[in-house]
Amino acid sequence: KVAKYAKKLGFTNRILTNATLIDKHNIEELADTFDLFKISVDGS
């Protein structure tokens, strides 16, 4: 909700996430809201 308002103001939204809560149910909303996703991956 906060990020959506920030986007309306013209701000750039970045999120630092482990990404485990991103799935097919919220991907559309998240993709529309955030400009960059920084995702933690600690091994190949």
ModelCIF file with pLDDT and N, C-alpha, C, O atoms, coordinates in Angstrom:
data_MODEL
#
_entry.id   MODEL 
#
_entity.id                         1 
_entity.type                       polymer 
_entity.pdbx_number_of_molecules   1 
#
_entity_poly.entity_id                      1 
_entity_poly.type                           'polypeptide(L)' 
_entity_poly.nstd_linkage                   no 
_entity_poly.nstd_monomer                   no 
_entity_poly.pdbx_seq_one_letter_code       KVAKYAKKLGFTNRILTNATLIDKHNIEELADTFDLFKISVDGS 
_entity_poly.pdbx_seq_one_letter_code_can   KVAKYAKKLGFTNRILTNATLIDKHNIEELADTFDLFKISVDGS 
_entity_poly.pdbx_strand_id                 A 
#
loop_
_entity_poly_seq.entity_id 
_entity_poly_seq.num 
_entity_poly_seq.mon_id 
_entity_poly_seq.hetero 
1 1  LYS n 
1 2  VAL n 
1 3  ALA n 
1 4  LYS n 
1 5  TYR n 
1 6  ALA n 
1 7  LYS n 
1 8  LYS n 
1 9  LEU n 
1 10 GLY n 
1 11 PHE n 
1 12 THR n 
1 13 ASN n 
1 14 ARG n 
1 15 ILE n 
1 16 LEU n 
1 17 THR n 
1 18 ASN n 
1 19 ALA n 
1 20 THR n 
1 21 LEU n 
1 22 ILE n 
1 23 ASP n 
1 24 LYS n 
1 25 HIS n 
1 26 ASN n 
1 27 ILE n 
1 28 GLU n 
1 29 GLU n 
1 30 LEU n 
1 31 ALA n 
1 32 ASP n 
1 33 THR n 
1 34 PHE n 
1 35 ASP n 
1 36 LEU n 
1 37 PHE n 
1 38 LYS n 
1 39 ILE n 
1 40 SER n 
1 41 VAL n 
1 42 ASP n 
1 43 GLY n 
1 44 SER n 
#
_struct_asym.id          A 
_struct_asym.entity_id   1 
#
loop_
_ma_qa_metric.id 
_ma_qa_metric.mode 
_ma_qa_metric.name 
_ma_qa_metric.software_group_id 
_ma_qa_metric.type 
1 global pLDDT . pLDDT 
2 local  pLDDT . pLDDT 
#
_ma_qa_metric_global.metric_id      1 
_ma_qa_metric_global.metric_value   97.00 
_ma_qa_metric_global.model_id       1 
_ma_qa_metric_global.ordinal_id     1 
#
loop_
_ma_qa_metric_local.label_asym_id 
_ma_qa_metric_local.label_comp_id 
_ma_qa_metric_local.label_seq_id 
_ma_qa_metric_local.metric_id 
_ma_qa_metric_local.metric_value 
_ma_qa_metric_local.model_id 
_ma_qa_metric_local.ordinal_id 
A LYS 1  2 98.00 1 1  
A VAL 2  2 98.00 1 2  
A ALA 3  2 98.00 1 3  
A LYS 4  2 98.00 1 4  
A TYR 5  2 98.00 1 5  
A ALA 6  2 98.00 1 6  
A LYS 7  2 98.00 1 7  
A LYS 8  2 98.00 1 8  
A LEU 9  2 98.00 1 9  
A GLY 10 2 97.00 1 10 
A PHE 11 2 98.00 1 11 
A THR 12 2 98.00 1 12 
A ASN 13 2 98.00 1 13 
A ARG 14 2 98.00 1 14 
A ILE 15 2 98.00 1 15 
A LEU 16 2 97.00 1 16 
A THR 17 2 97.00 1 17 
A ASN 18 2 95.00 1 18 
A ALA 19 2 97.00 1 19 
A THR 20 2 96.00 1 20 
A LEU 21 2 97.00 1 21 
A ILE 22 2 98.00 1 22 
A ASP 23 2 96.00 1 23 
A LYS 24 2 96.00 1 24 
A HIS 25 2 96.00 1 25 
A ASN 26 2 97.00 1 26 
A ILE 27 2 98.00 1 27 
A GLU 28 2 97.00 1 28 
A GLU 29 2 98.00 1 29 
A LEU 30 2 98.00 1 30 
A ALA 31 2 98.00 1 31 
A ASP 32 2 98.00 1 32 
A THR 33 2 98.00 1 33 
A PHE 34 2 98.00 1 34 
A ASP 35 2 98.00 1 35 
A LEU 36 2 98.00 1 36 
A PHE 37 2 98.00 1 37 
A LYS 38 2 97.00 1 38 
A ILE 39 2 97.00 1 39 
A SER 40 2 94.00 1 40 
A VAL 41 2 95.00 1 41 
A ASP 42 2 92.00 1 42 
A GLY 43 2 92.00 1 43 
A SER 44 2 93.00 1 44 
#
loop_
_atom_site.group_PDB 
_atom_site.id 
_atom_site.type_symbol 
_atom_site.label_atom_id 
_atom_site.label_alt_id 
_atom_site.label_comp_id 
_atom_site.label_asym_id 
_atom_site.label_entity_id 
_atom_site.label_seq_id 
_atom_site.pdbx_PDB_ins_code 
_atom_site.Cartn_x 
_atom_site.Cartn_y 
_atom_site.Cartn_z 
_atom_site.occupancy 
_atom_site.B_iso_or_equiv 
_atom_site.pdbx_formal_charge 
_atom_site.auth_seq_id 
_atom_site.auth_comp_id 
_atom_site.auth_asym_id 
_atom_site.auth_atom_id 
_atom_site.pdbx_PDB_model_num 
ATOM 1   N N  . LYS A 1 1  ? 0.828  -1.208  0.000   1.00 98.00 ? 1  LYS A N  1 
ATOM 2   C CA . LYS A 1 1  ? 0.000  0.000   0.000   1.00 98.00 ? 1  LYS A CA 1 
ATOM 3   C C  . LYS A 1 1  ? 0.866  1.262   0.000   1.00 98.00 ? 1  LYS A C  1 
ATOM 4   O O  . LYS A 1 1  ? 0.605  2.204   -0.748  1.00 98.00 ? 1  LYS A O  1 
ATOM 5   N N  . VAL A 1 2  ? 1.899  1.268   0.850   1.00 98.00 ? 2  VAL A N  1 
ATOM 6   C CA . VAL A 1 2  ? 2.800  2.422   0.922   1.00 98.00 ? 2  VAL A CA 1 
ATOM 7   C C  . VAL A 1 2  ? 3.547  2.601   -0.394  1.00 98.00 ? 2  VAL A C  1 
ATOM 8   O O  . VAL A 1 2  ? 3.690  3.718   -0.891  1.00 98.00 ? 2  VAL A O  1 
ATOM 9   N N  . ALA A 1 3  ? 4.022  1.491   -0.953  1.00 98.00 ? 3  ALA A N  1 
ATOM 10  C CA . ALA A 1 3  ? 4.768  1.553   -2.205  1.00 98.00 ? 3  ALA A CA 1 
ATOM 11  C C  . ALA A 1 3  ? 3.905  2.063   -3.360  1.00 98.00 ? 3  ALA A C  1 
ATOM 12  O O  . ALA A 1 3  ? 4.398  2.773   -4.236  1.00 98.00 ? 3  ALA A O  1 
ATOM 13  N N  . LYS A 1 4  ? 2.641  1.710   -3.364  1.00 98.00 ? 4  LYS A N  1 
ATOM 14  C CA . LYS A 1 4  ? 1.738  2.200   -4.407  1.00 98.00 ? 4  LYS A CA 1 
ATOM 15  C C  . LYS A 1 4  ? 1.594  3.718   -4.326  1.00 98.00 ? 4  LYS A C  1 
ATOM 16  O O  . LYS A 1 4  ? 1.575  4.403   -5.349  1.00 98.00 ? 4  LYS A O  1 
ATOM 17  N N  . TYR A 1 5  ? 1.495  4.232   -3.113  1.00 98.00 ? 5  TYR A N  1 
ATOM 18  C CA . TYR A 1 5  ? 1.391  5.685   -2.951  1.00 98.00 ? 5  TYR A CA 1 
ATOM 19  C C  . TYR A 1 5  ? 2.695  6.361   -3.383  1.00 98.00 ? 5  TYR A C  1 
ATOM 20  O O  . TYR A 1 5  ? 2.670  7.399   -4.044  1.00 98.00 ? 5  TYR A O  1 
ATOM 21  N N  . ALA A 1 6  ? 3.836  5.767   -3.006  1.00 98.00 ? 6  ALA A N  1 
ATOM 22  C CA . ALA A 1 6  ? 5.122  6.314   -3.411  1.00 98.00 ? 6  ALA A CA 1 
ATOM 23  C C  . ALA A 1 6  ? 5.250  6.354   -4.929  1.00 98.00 ? 6  ALA A C  1 
ATOM 24  O O  . ALA A 1 6  ? 5.798  7.304   -5.486  1.00 98.00 ? 6  ALA A O  1 
ATOM 25  N N  . LYS A 1 7  ? 4.750  5.336   -5.583  1.00 98.00 ? 7  LYS A N  1 
ATOM 26  C CA . LYS A 1 7  ? 4.810  5.281   -7.040  1.00 98.00 ? 7  LYS A CA 1 
ATOM 27  C C  . LYS A 1 7  ? 3.968  6.393   -7.654  1.00 98.00 ? 7  LYS A C  1 
ATOM 28  O O  . LYS A 1 7  ? 4.361  6.979   -8.663  1.00 98.00 ? 7  LYS A O  1 
ATOM 29  N N  . LYS A 1 8  ? 2.807  6.693   -7.055  1.00 98.00 ? 8  LYS A N  1 
ATOM 30  C CA . LYS A 1 8  ? 1.969  7.787   -7.529  1.00 98.00 ? 8  LYS A CA 1 
ATOM 31  C C  . LYS A 1 8  ? 2.702  9.125   -7.452  1.00 98.00 ? 8  LYS A C  1 
ATOM 32  O O  . LYS A 1 8  ? 2.487  10.014  -8.276  1.00 98.00 ? 8  LYS A O  1 
ATOM 33  N N  . LEU A 1 9  ? 3.575  9.252   -6.445  1.00 98.00 ? 9  LEU A N  1 
ATOM 34  C CA . LEU A 1 9  ? 4.352  10.481  -6.287  1.00 98.00 ? 9  LEU A CA 1 
ATOM 35  C C  . LEU A 1 9  ? 5.512  10.564  -7.278  1.00 98.00 ? 9  LEU A C  1 
ATOM 36  O O  . LEU A 1 9  ? 6.162  11.603  -7.394  1.00 98.00 ? 9  LEU A O  1 
ATOM 37  N N  . GLY A 1 10 ? 5.768  9.476   -7.984  1.00 97.00 ? 10 GLY A N  1 
ATOM 38  C CA . GLY A 1 10 ? 6.865  9.466   -8.943  1.00 97.00 ? 10 GLY A CA 1 
ATOM 39  C C  . GLY A 1 10 ? 8.162  8.918   -8.391  1.00 97.00 ? 10 GLY A C  1 
ATOM 40  O O  . GLY A 1 10 ? 9.194  8.986   -9.059  1.00 97.00 ? 10 GLY A O  1 
ATOM 41  N N  . PHE A 1 11 ? 8.129  8.368   -7.166  1.00 98.00 ? 11 PHE A N  1 
ATOM 42  C CA . PHE A 1 11 ? 9.319  7.799   -6.560  1.00 98.00 ? 11 PHE A CA 1 
ATOM 43  C C  . PHE A 1 11 ? 9.681  6.452   -7.192  1.00 98.00 ? 11 PHE A C  1 
ATOM 44  O O  . PHE A 1 11 ? 8.840  5.766   -7.774  1.00 98.00 ? 11 PHE A O  1 
ATOM 45  N N  . THR A 1 12 ? 10.949 6.104   -7.057  1.00 98.00 ? 12 THR A N  1 
ATOM 46  C CA . THR A 1 12 ? 11.413 4.779   -7.442  1.00 98.00 ? 12 THR A CA 1 
ATOM 47  C C  . THR A 1 12 ? 11.281 3.847   -6.246  1.00 98.00 ? 12 THR A C  1 
ATOM 48  O O  . THR A 1 12 ? 11.733 4.173   -5.148  1.00 98.00 ? 12 THR A O  1 
ATOM 49  N N  . ASN A 1 13 ? 10.664 2.689   -6.454  1.00 98.00 ? 13 ASN A N  1 
ATOM 50  C CA . ASN A 1 13 ? 10.466 1.707   -5.389  1.00 98.00 ? 13 ASN A CA 1 
ATOM 51  C C  . ASN A 1 13 ? 11.413 0.523   -5.566  1.00 98.00 ? 13 ASN A C  1 
ATOM 52  O O  . ASN A 1 13 ? 11.432 -0.119  -6.616  1.00 98.00 ? 13 ASN A O  1 
ATOM 53  N N  . ARG A 1 14 ? 12.190 0.245   -4.533  1.00 98.00 ? 14 ARG A N  1 
ATOM 54  C CA . ARG A 1 14 ? 13.039 -0.939  -4.518  1.00 98.00 ? 14 ARG A CA 1 
ATOM 55  C C  . ARG A 1 14 ? 12.718 -1.777  -3.287  1.00 98.00 ? 14 ARG A C  1 
ATOM 56  O O  . ARG A 1 14 ? 12.427 -1.234  -2.222  1.00 98.00 ? 14 ARG A O  1 
ATOM 57  N N  . ILE A 1 15 ? 12.769 -3.066  -3.428  1.00 98.00 ? 15 ILE A N  1 
ATOM 58  C CA . ILE A 1 15 ? 12.459 -3.941  -2.299  1.00 98.00 ? 15 ILE A CA 1 
ATOM 59  C C  . ILE A 1 15 ? 13.583 -4.945  -2.103  1.00 98.00 ? 15 ILE A C  1 
ATOM 60  O O  . ILE A 1 15 ? 14.066 -5.549  -3.060  1.00 98.00 ? 15 ILE A O  1 
ATOM 61  N N  . LEU A 1 16 ? 13.996 -5.117  -0.849  1.00 97.00 ? 16 LEU A N  1 
ATOM 62  C CA . LEU A 1 16 ? 14.998 -6.103  -0.466  1.00 97.00 ? 16 LEU A CA 1 
ATOM 63  C C  . LEU A 1 16 ? 14.251 -7.276  0.152   1.00 97.00 ? 16 LEU A C  1 
ATOM 64  O O  . LEU A 1 16 ? 13.642 -7.128  1.212   1.00 97.00 ? 16 LEU A O  1 
ATOM 65  N N  . THR A 1 17 ? 14.286 -8.425  -0.484  1.00 97.00 ? 17 THR A N  1 
ATOM 66  C CA . THR A 1 17 ? 13.414 -9.530  -0.096  1.00 97.00 ? 17 THR A CA 1 
ATOM 67  C C  . THR A 1 17 ? 14.088 -10.873 -0.297  1.00 97.00 ? 17 THR A C  1 
ATOM 68  O O  . THR A 1 17 ? 14.990 -11.018 -1.122  1.00 97.00 ? 17 THR A O  1 
ATOM 69  N N  . ASN A 1 18 ? 13.632 -11.857 0.476   1.00 95.00 ? 18 ASN A N  1 
ATOM 70  C CA . ASN A 1 18 ? 14.084 -13.234 0.228   1.00 95.00 ? 18 ASN A CA 1 
ATOM 71  C C  . ASN A 1 18 ? 13.263 -13.885 -0.872  1.00 95.00 ? 18 ASN A C  1 
ATOM 72  O O  . ASN A 1 18 ? 13.590 -14.979 -1.334  1.00 95.00 ? 18 ASN A O  1 
ATOM 73  N N  . ALA A 1 19 ? 12.199 -13.216 -1.293  1.00 97.00 ? 19 ALA A N  1 
ATOM 74  C CA . ALA A 1 19 ? 11.368 -13.593 -2.448  1.00 97.00 ? 19 ALA A CA 1 
ATOM 75  C C  . ALA A 1 19 ? 10.540 -14.850 -2.237  1.00 97.00 ? 19 ALA A C  1 
ATOM 76  O O  . ALA A 1 19 ? 9.854  -15.283 -3.163  1.00 97.00 ? 19 ALA A O  1 
ATOM 77  N N  . THR A 1 20 ? 10.579 -15.445 -1.067  1.00 96.00 ? 20 THR A N  1 
ATOM 78  C CA . THR A 1 20 ? 9.837  -16.690 -0.857  1.00 96.00 ? 20 THR A CA 1 
ATOM 79  C C  . THR A 1 20 ? 8.330  -16.484 -0.792  1.00 96.00 ? 20 THR A C  1 
ATOM 80  O O  . THR A 1 20 ? 7.568  -17.443 -0.906  1.00 96.00 ? 20 THR A O  1 
ATOM 81  N N  . LEU A 1 21 ? 7.897  -15.244 -0.610  1.00 97.00 ? 21 LEU A N  1 
ATOM 82  C CA . LEU A 1 21 ? 6.465  -14.955 -0.537  1.00 97.00 ? 21 LEU A CA 1 
ATOM 83  C C  . LEU A 1 21 ? 5.907  -14.451 -1.867  1.00 97.00 ? 21 LEU A C  1 
ATOM 84  O O  . LEU A 1 21 ? 4.734  -14.086 -1.951  1.00 97.00 ? 21 LEU A O  1 
ATOM 85  N N  . ILE A 1 22 ? 6.723  -14.432 -2.881  1.00 98.00 ? 22 ILE A N  1 
ATOM 86  C CA . ILE A 1 22 ? 6.271  -14.028 -4.211  1.00 98.00 ? 22 ILE A CA 1 
ATOM 87  C C  . ILE A 1 22 ? 5.784  -15.255 -4.968  1.00 98.00 ? 22 ILE A C  1 
ATOM 88  O O  . ILE A 1 22 ? 6.515  -16.234 -5.114  1.00 98.00 ? 22 ILE A O  1 
ATOM 89  N N  . ASP A 1 23 ? 4.557  -15.199 -5.445  1.00 96.00 ? 23 ASP A N  1 
ATOM 90  C CA . ASP A 1 23 ? 3.997  -16.340 -6.167  1.00 96.00 ? 23 ASP A CA 1 
ATOM 91  C C  . ASP A 1 23 ? 3.034  -15.858 -7.250  1.00 96.00 ? 23 ASP A C  1 
ATOM 92  O O  . ASP A 1 23 ? 2.910  -14.656 -7.486  1.00 96.00 ? 23 ASP A O  1 
ATOM 93  N N  . LYS A 1 24 ? 2.361  -16.789 -7.900  1.00 96.00 ? 24 LYS A N  1 
ATOM 94  C CA . LYS A 1 24 ? 1.474  -16.450 -9.008  1.00 96.00 ? 24 LYS A CA 1 
ATOM 95  C C  . LYS A 1 24 ? 0.288  -15.594 -8.581  1.00 96.00 ? 24 LYS A C  1 
ATOM 96  O O  . LYS A 1 24 ? -0.332 -14.932 -9.413  1.00 96.00 ? 24 LYS A O  1 
ATOM 97  N N  . HIS A 1 25 ? -0.029 -15.605 -7.286  1.00 96.00 ? 25 HIS A N  1 
ATOM 98  C CA . HIS A 1 25 ? -1.184 -14.858 -6.792  1.00 96.00 ? 25 HIS A CA 1 
ATOM 99  C C  . HIS A 1 25 ? -0.891 -13.361 -6.614  1.00 96.00 ? 25 HIS A C  1 
ATOM 100 O O  . HIS A 1 25 ? -1.802 -12.540 -6.724  1.00 96.00 ? 25 HIS A O  1 
ATOM 101 N N  . ASN A 1 26 ? 0.348  -13.004 -6.345  1.00 97.00 ? 26 ASN A N  1 
ATOM 102 C CA . ASN A 1 26 ? 0.660  -11.589 -6.103  1.00 97.00 ? 26 ASN A CA 1 
ATOM 103 C C  . ASN A 1 26 ? 1.654  -11.006 -7.097  1.00 97.00 ? 26 ASN A C  1 
ATOM 104 O O  . ASN A 1 26 ? 1.997  -9.828  -6.997  1.00 97.00 ? 26 ASN A O  1 
ATOM 105 N N  . ILE A 1 27 ? 2.120  -11.795 -8.045  1.00 98.00 ? 27 ILE A N  1 
ATOM 106 C CA . ILE A 1 27 ? 3.166  -11.332 -8.951  1.00 98.00 ? 27 ILE A CA 1 
ATOM 107 C C  . ILE A 1 27 ? 2.744  -10.111 -9.760  1.00 98.00 ? 27 ILE A C  1 
ATOM 108 O O  . ILE A 1 27 ? 3.556  -9.214  -9.986  1.00 98.00 ? 27 ILE A O  1 
ATOM 109 N N  . GLU A 1 28 ? 1.501  -10.061 -10.196 1.00 97.00 ? 28 GLU A N  1 
ATOM 110 C CA . GLU A 1 28 ? 1.040  -8.935  -11.004 1.00 97.00 ? 28 GLU A CA 1 
ATOM 111 C C  . GLU A 1 28 ? 1.115  -7.630  -10.210 1.00 97.00 ? 28 GLU A C  1 
ATOM 112 O O  . GLU A 1 28 ? 1.628  -6.620  -10.692 1.00 97.00 ? 28 GLU A O  1 
ATOM 113 N N  . GLU A 1 29 ? 0.597  -7.677  -8.998  1.00 98.00 ? 29 GLU A N  1 
ATOM 114 C CA . GLU A 1 29 ? 0.573  -6.485  -8.151  1.00 98.00 ? 29 GLU A CA 1 
ATOM 115 C C  . GLU A 1 29 ? 1.991  -6.040  -7.794  1.00 98.00 ? 29 GLU A C  1 
ATOM 116 O O  . GLU A 1 29 ? 2.303  -4.850  -7.826  1.00 98.00 ? 29 GLU A O  1 
ATOM 117 N N  . LEU A 1 30 ? 2.831  -6.991  -7.458  1.00 98.00 ? 30 LEU A N  1 
ATOM 118 C CA . LEU A 1 30 ? 4.206  -6.664  -7.097  1.00 98.00 ? 30 LEU A CA 1 
ATOM 119 C C  . LEU A 1 30 ? 4.977  -6.109  -8.290  1.00 98.00 ? 30 LEU A C  1 
ATOM 120 O O  . LEU A 1 30 ? 5.726  -5.141  -8.151  1.00 98.00 ? 30 LEU A O  1 
ATOM 121 N N  . ALA A 1 31 ? 4.801  -6.706  -9.436  1.00 98.00 ? 31 ALA A N  1 
ATOM 122 C CA . ALA A 1 31 ? 5.491  -6.249  -10.642 1.00 98.00 ? 31 ALA A CA 1 
ATOM 123 C C  . ALA A 1 31 ? 5.076  -4.838  -11.022 1.00 98.00 ? 31 ALA A C  1 
ATOM 124 O O  . ALA A 1 31 ? 5.891  -4.064  -11.524 1.00 98.00 ? 31 ALA A O  1 
ATOM 125 N N  . ASP A 1 32 ? 3.819  -4.500  -10.789 1.00 98.00 ? 32 ASP A N  1 
ATOM 126 C CA . ASP A 1 32 ? 3.324  -3.155  -11.091 1.00 98.00 ? 32 ASP A CA 1 
ATOM 127 C C  . ASP A 1 32 ? 3.804  -2.114  -10.081 1.00 98.00 ? 32 ASP A C  1 
ATOM 128 O O  . ASP A 1 32 ? 3.855  -0.924  -10.389 1.00 98.00 ? 32 ASP A O  1 
ATOM 129 N N  . THR A 1 33 ? 4.154  -2.562  -8.882  1.00 98.00 ? 33 THR A N  1 
ATOM 130 C CA . THR A 1 33 ? 4.432  -1.638  -7.780  1.00 98.00 ? 33 THR A CA 1 
ATOM 131 C C  . THR A 1 33 ? 5.912  -1.335  -7.601  1.00 98.00 ? 33 THR A C  1 
ATOM 132 O O  . THR A 1 33 ? 6.281  -0.200  -7.300  1.00 98.00 ? 33 THR A O  1 
ATOM 133 N N  . PHE A 1 34 ? 6.758  -2.334  -7.781  1.00 98.00 ? 34 PHE A N  1 
ATOM 134 C CA . PHE A 1 34 ? 8.183  -2.175  -7.483  1.00 98.00 ? 34 PHE A CA 1 
ATOM 135 C C  . PHE A 1 34 ? 9.015  -2.132  -8.763  1.00 98.00 ? 34 PHE A C  1 
ATOM 136 O O  . PHE A 1 34 ? 8.762  -2.862  -9.722  1.00 98.00 ? 34 PHE A O  1 
ATOM 137 N N  . ASP A 1 35 ? 10.020 -1.249  -8.744  1.00 98.00 ? 35 ASP A N  1 
ATOM 138 C CA . ASP A 1 35 ? 10.876 -1.058  -9.912  1.00 98.00 ? 35 ASP A CA 1 
ATOM 139 C C  . ASP A 1 35 ? 12.073 -2.006  -9.917  1.00 98.00 ? 35 ASP A C  1 
ATOM 140 O O  . ASP A 1 35 ? 12.561 -2.392  -10.979 1.00 98.00 ? 35 ASP A O  1 
ATOM 141 N N  . LEU A 1 36 ? 12.537 -2.374  -8.745  1.00 98.00 ? 36 LEU A N  1 
ATOM 142 C CA . LEU A 1 36 ? 13.676 -3.287  -8.654  1.00 98.00 ? 36 LEU A CA 1 
ATOM 143 C C  . LEU A 1 36 ? 13.495 -4.213  -7.458  1.00 98.00 ? 36 LEU A C  1 
ATOM 144 O O  . LEU A 1 36 ? 13.065 -3.796  -6.383  1.00 98.00 ? 36 LEU A O  1 
ATOM 145 N N  . PHE A 1 37 ? 13.833 -5.473  -7.673  1.00 98.00 ? 37 PHE A N  1 
ATOM 146 C CA . PHE A 1 37 ? 13.779 -6.490  -6.633  1.00 98.00 ? 37 PHE A CA 1 
ATOM 147 C C  . PHE A 1 37 ? 15.208 -6.957  -6.346  1.00 98.00 ? 37 PHE A C  1 
ATOM 148 O O  . PHE A 1 37 ? 15.858 -7.541  -7.213  1.00 98.00 ? 37 PHE A O  1 
ATOM 149 N N  . LYS A 1 38 ? 15.689 -6.702  -5.143  1.00 97.00 ? 38 LYS A N  1 
ATOM 150 C CA . LYS A 1 38 ? 16.992 -7.207  -4.726  1.00 97.00 ? 38 LYS A CA 1 
ATOM 151 C C  . LYS A 1 38 ? 16.752 -8.450  -3.894  1.00 97.00 ? 38 LYS A C  1 
ATOM 152 O O  . LYS A 1 38 ? 16.181 -8.380  -2.806  1.00 97.00 ? 38 LYS A O  1 
ATOM 153 N N  . ILE A 1 39 ? 17.192 -9.593  -4.412  1.00 97.00 ? 39 ILE A N  1 
ATOM 154 C CA . ILE A 1 39 ? 16.815 -10.891 -3.860  1.00 97.00 ? 39 ILE A CA 1 
ATOM 155 C C  . ILE A 1 39 ? 18.046 -11.630 -3.352  1.00 97.00 ? 39 ILE A C  1 
ATOM 156 O O  . ILE A 1 39 ? 19.057 -11.722 -4.048  1.00 97.00 ? 39 ILE A O  1 
ATOM 157 N N  . SER A 1 40 ? 17.954 -12.146 -2.154  1.00 94.00 ? 40 SER A N  1 
ATOM 158 C CA . SER A 1 40 ? 19.062 -12.851 -1.533  1.00 94.00 ? 40 SER A CA 1 
ATOM 159 C C  . SER A 1 40 ? 19.155 -14.290 -2.035  1.00 94.00 ? 40 SER A C  1 
ATOM 160 O O  . SER A 1 40 ? 18.213 -15.071 -1.899  1.00 94.00 ? 40 SER A O  1 
ATOM 161 N N  . VAL A 1 41 ? 20.306 -14.625 -2.615  1.00 95.00 ? 41 VAL A N  1 
ATOM 162 C CA . VAL A 1 41 ? 20.611 -15.998 -3.025  1.00 95.00 ? 41 VAL A CA 1 
ATOM 163 C C  . VAL A 1 41 ? 22.055 -16.267 -2.619  1.00 95.00 ? 41 VAL A C  1 
ATOM 164 O O  . VAL A 1 41 ? 22.966 -15.598 -3.107  1.00 95.00 ? 41 VAL A O  1 
ATOM 165 N N  . ASP A 1 42 ? 22.276 -17.217 -1.752  1.00 92.00 ? 42 ASP A N  1 
ATOM 166 C CA . ASP A 1 42 ? 23.610 -17.409 -1.185  1.00 92.00 ? 42 ASP A CA 1 
ATOM 167 C C  . ASP A 1 42 ? 24.329 -18.656 -1.673  1.00 92.00 ? 42 ASP A C  1 
ATOM 168 O O  . ASP A 1 42 ? 25.315 -19.081 -1.072  1.00 92.00 ? 42 ASP A O  1 
ATOM 169 N N  . GLY A 1 43 ? 23.842 -19.243 -2.759  1.00 92.00 ? 43 GLY A N  1 
ATOM 170 C CA . GLY A 1 43 ? 24.537 -20.386 -3.315  1.00 92.00 ? 43 GLY A CA 1 
ATOM 171 C C  . GLY A 1 43 ? 23.952 -20.804 -4.652  1.00 92.00 ? 43 GLY A C  1 
ATOM 172 O O  . GLY A 1 43 ? 22.774 -20.575 -4.927  1.00 92.00 ? 43 GLY A O  1 
ATOM 173 N N  . SER A 1 44 ? 24.788 -21.418 -5.483  1.00 93.00 ? 44 SER A N  1 
ATOM 174 C CA . SER A 1 44 ? 24.336 -21.850 -6.802  1.00 93.00 ? 44 SER A CA 1 
ATOM 175 C C  . SER A 1 44 ? 23.530 -23.135 -6.747  1.00 93.00 ? 44 SER A C  1 
ATOM 176 O O  . SER A 1 44 ? 23.079 -23.626 -7.782  1.00 93.00 ? 44 SER A O  1 
#
